[in-house]
Each structure stands twice: as C-alpha cells, then as structure tokens.
Amino acid sequence: MAQQLKTGDKVKVIAGANKGKSGKIVKMDVKGHKACIEGIGVRVRRLKKTQINPQGGKKTVHLGIDLSNLKKEGK
C-alpha cells in the first residue's frame, strides 16, 4: 500500500463509477484492500423472514472501494 490510509481520513475516488466523489473513511478492510466510505457505495440488502426476524426487511450495507481507487485529500 503506497499511501497510508486510516479510518477518519478524507479521501477522493479517482477511478470507477463513483469517480470524483469524496467522503470520510468509515471502516477499513486491510486484508481485502478495501475501504468503506461514508455515503459512497451504500446498497440495500433484503433479508429473508426467519424466527429471529419474522418480518424480514431491508438493511443498508457498505460496499468496499479498492484502495488503489482512492486518493487522500490534502489538509
């Protein structure tokens, strides 16, 4: 990893569908080389009905963006 990114850093997406957008890192996946960014790459996941959750429902999840597609913004 050429750049040192950590949770809380402000970054800009430099490649991919979200190119040009910026946000703050919420969570890092160091082994998978991905970062979850606030407001970017959020999807809705539908849950099946189970005994624990009899209603089923929807849950929002962050999709990680590869670290090579991120650039740390200046101070």
C-alpha atoms as a PDB file:
ATOM      1  CA  MET A   1       0.000   0.000   0.000  1.00  0.00           C
ATOM      2  CA  ALA A   2       1.713   3.145  -1.219  1.00  0.00           C
ATOM      3  CA  GLN A   3      -0.377   5.564   0.810  1.00  0.00           C
ATOM      4  CA  GLN A   4      -1.179   5.301   4.485  1.00  0.00           C
ATOM      5  CA  LEU A   5      -4.961   5.479   4.839  1.00  0.00           C
ATOM      6  CA  LYS A   6      -6.830   5.007   8.096  1.00  0.00           C
ATOM      7  CA  THR A   7     -10.337   5.379   9.481  1.00  0.00           C
ATOM      8  CA  GLY A   8     -11.409   9.014   9.619  1.00  0.00           C
ATOM      9  CA  ASP A   9      -9.279  10.224   6.682  1.00  0.00           C
ATOM     10  CA  LYS A  10     -10.956  12.289   3.965  1.00  0.00           C
ATOM     11  CA  VAL A  11     -10.436  10.686   0.553  1.00  0.00           C
ATOM     12  CA  LYS A  12     -11.423  11.225  -3.077  1.00  0.00           C
ATOM     13  CA  VAL A  13     -12.378   8.462  -5.532  1.00  0.00           C
ATOM     14  CA  ILE A  14     -10.129   8.655  -8.592  1.00  0.00           C
ATOM     15  CA  ALA A  15     -11.471   5.714 -10.638  1.00  0.00           C
ATOM     16  CA  GLY A  16     -14.647   3.745 -11.167  1.00  0.00           C
ATOM     17  CA  ALA A  17     -18.352   4.578 -11.179  1.00  0.00           C
ATOM     18  CA  ASN A  18     -18.007   6.992  -8.249  1.00  0.00           C
ATOM     19  CA  LYS A  19     -15.100   8.951  -9.751  1.00  0.00           C
ATOM     20  CA  GLY A  20     -14.807  12.494  -8.404  1.00  0.00           C
ATOM     21  CA  LYS A  21     -16.807  11.918  -5.224  1.00  0.00           C
ATOM     22  CA  SER A  22     -15.215  12.431  -1.836  1.00  0.00           C
ATOM     23  CA  GLY A  23     -16.000  11.367   1.701  1.00  0.00           C
ATOM     24  CA  LYS A  24     -14.653  10.132   5.013  1.00  0.00           C
ATOM     25  CA  ILE A  25     -13.476   6.559   5.606  1.00  0.00           C
ATOM     26  CA  VAL A  26     -15.859   4.751   7.954  1.00  0.00           C
ATOM     27  CA  LYS A  27     -14.234   1.306   8.001  1.00  0.00           C
ATOM     28  CA  MET A  28     -11.090  -0.300   6.608  1.00  0.00           C
ATOM     29  CA  ASP A  29     -10.611  -3.879   5.392  1.00  0.00           C
ATOM     30  CA  VAL A  30      -6.821  -4.190   5.379  1.00  0.00           C
ATOM     31  CA  LYS A  31      -6.695  -7.834   4.270  1.00  0.00           C
ATOM     32  CA  GLY A  32      -9.143  -7.235   1.413  1.00  0.00           C
ATOM     33  CA  HIS A  33      -7.514  -3.889   0.460  1.00  0.00           C
ATOM     34  CA  LYS A  34     -10.863  -2.061   0.615  1.00  0.00           C
ATOM     35  CA  ALA A  35     -12.322   0.950   2.420  1.00  0.00           C
ATOM     36  CA  CYS A  36     -15.939   1.809   3.224  1.00  0.00           C
ATOM     37  CA  ILE A  37     -16.638   5.491   2.558  1.00  0.00           C
ATOM     38  CA  GLU A  38     -19.451   7.499   4.087  1.00  0.00           C
ATOM     39  CA  GLY A  39     -22.281   7.908   1.561  1.00  0.00           C
ATOM     40  CA  ILE A  40     -20.495   6.134  -1.310  1.00  0.00           C
ATOM     41  CA  GLY A  41     -21.112   2.512  -2.281  1.00  0.00           C
ATOM     42  CA  VAL A  42     -24.126   2.042   0.022  1.00  0.00           C
ATOM     43  CA  ARG A  43     -26.596  -0.625  -1.082  1.00  0.00           C
ATOM     44  CA  VAL A  44     -29.829  -2.042   0.329  1.00  0.00           C
ATOM     45  CA  ARG A  45     -29.848  -5.732   1.164  1.00  0.00           C
ATOM     46  CA  ARG A  46     -33.116  -7.592   1.597  1.00  0.00           C
ATOM     47  CA  LEU A  47     -33.428 -10.040   4.480  1.00  0.00           C
ATOM     48  CA  LYS A  48     -35.463 -13.246   4.480  1.00  0.00           C
ATOM     49  CA  LYS A  49     -38.065 -13.911   7.136  1.00  0.00           C
ATOM     50  CA  THR A  50     -36.583 -16.001   9.956  1.00  0.00           C
ATOM     51  CA  GLN A  51     -37.548 -16.964  13.503  1.00  0.00           C
ATOM     52  CA  ILE A  52     -35.273 -14.242  14.843  1.00  0.00           C
ATOM     53  CA  ASN A  53     -36.561 -11.660  12.346  1.00  0.00           C
ATOM     54  CA  PRO A  54     -40.153 -12.707  11.451  1.00  0.00           C
ATOM     55  CA  GLN A  55     -40.859  -9.519   9.473  1.00  0.00           C
ATOM     56  CA  GLY A  56     -37.864  -9.799   7.176  1.00  0.00           C
ATOM     57  CA  GLY A  57     -36.902  -6.366   5.918  1.00  0.00           C
ATOM     58  CA  LYS A  58     -34.105  -4.283   4.454  1.00  0.00           C
ATOM     59  CA  LYS A  59     -30.606  -3.482   5.664  1.00  0.00           C
ATOM     60  CA  THR A  60     -28.122  -0.955   4.269  1.00  0.00           C
ATOM     61  CA  VAL A  61     -24.582  -2.195   3.744  1.00  0.00           C
ATOM     62  CA  HIS A  62     -21.365  -0.500   2.598  1.00  0.00           C
ATOM     63  CA  LEU A  63     -19.577  -1.959  -0.386  1.00  0.00           C
ATOM     64  CA  GLY A  64     -15.842  -1.539  -0.121  1.00  0.00           C
ATOM     65  CA  ILE A  65     -13.916   0.519  -2.654  1.00  0.00           C
ATOM     66  CA  ASP A  66     -10.451  -0.727  -3.554  1.00  0.00           C
ATOM     67  CA  LEU A  67      -7.633   1.299  -2.000  1.00  0.00           C
ATOM     68  CA  SER A  68      -5.980   1.765  -5.408  1.00  0.00           C
ATOM     69  CA  ASN A  69      -9.014   3.825  -6.480  1.00  0.00           C
ATOM     70  CA  LEU A  70      -8.671   6.295  -3.578  1.00  0.00           C
ATOM     71  CA  LYS A  71      -6.551   9.376  -3.073  1.00  0.00           C
ATOM     72  CA  LYS A  72      -6.024  11.086   0.272  1.00  0.00           C
ATOM     73  CA  GLU A  73      -7.189  14.688   0.175  1.00  0.00           C
ATOM     74  CA  GLY A  74      -4.895  17.451   1.389  1.00  0.00           C
ATOM     75  CA  LYS A  75      -5.289  19.194   4.720  1.00  0.00           C
END
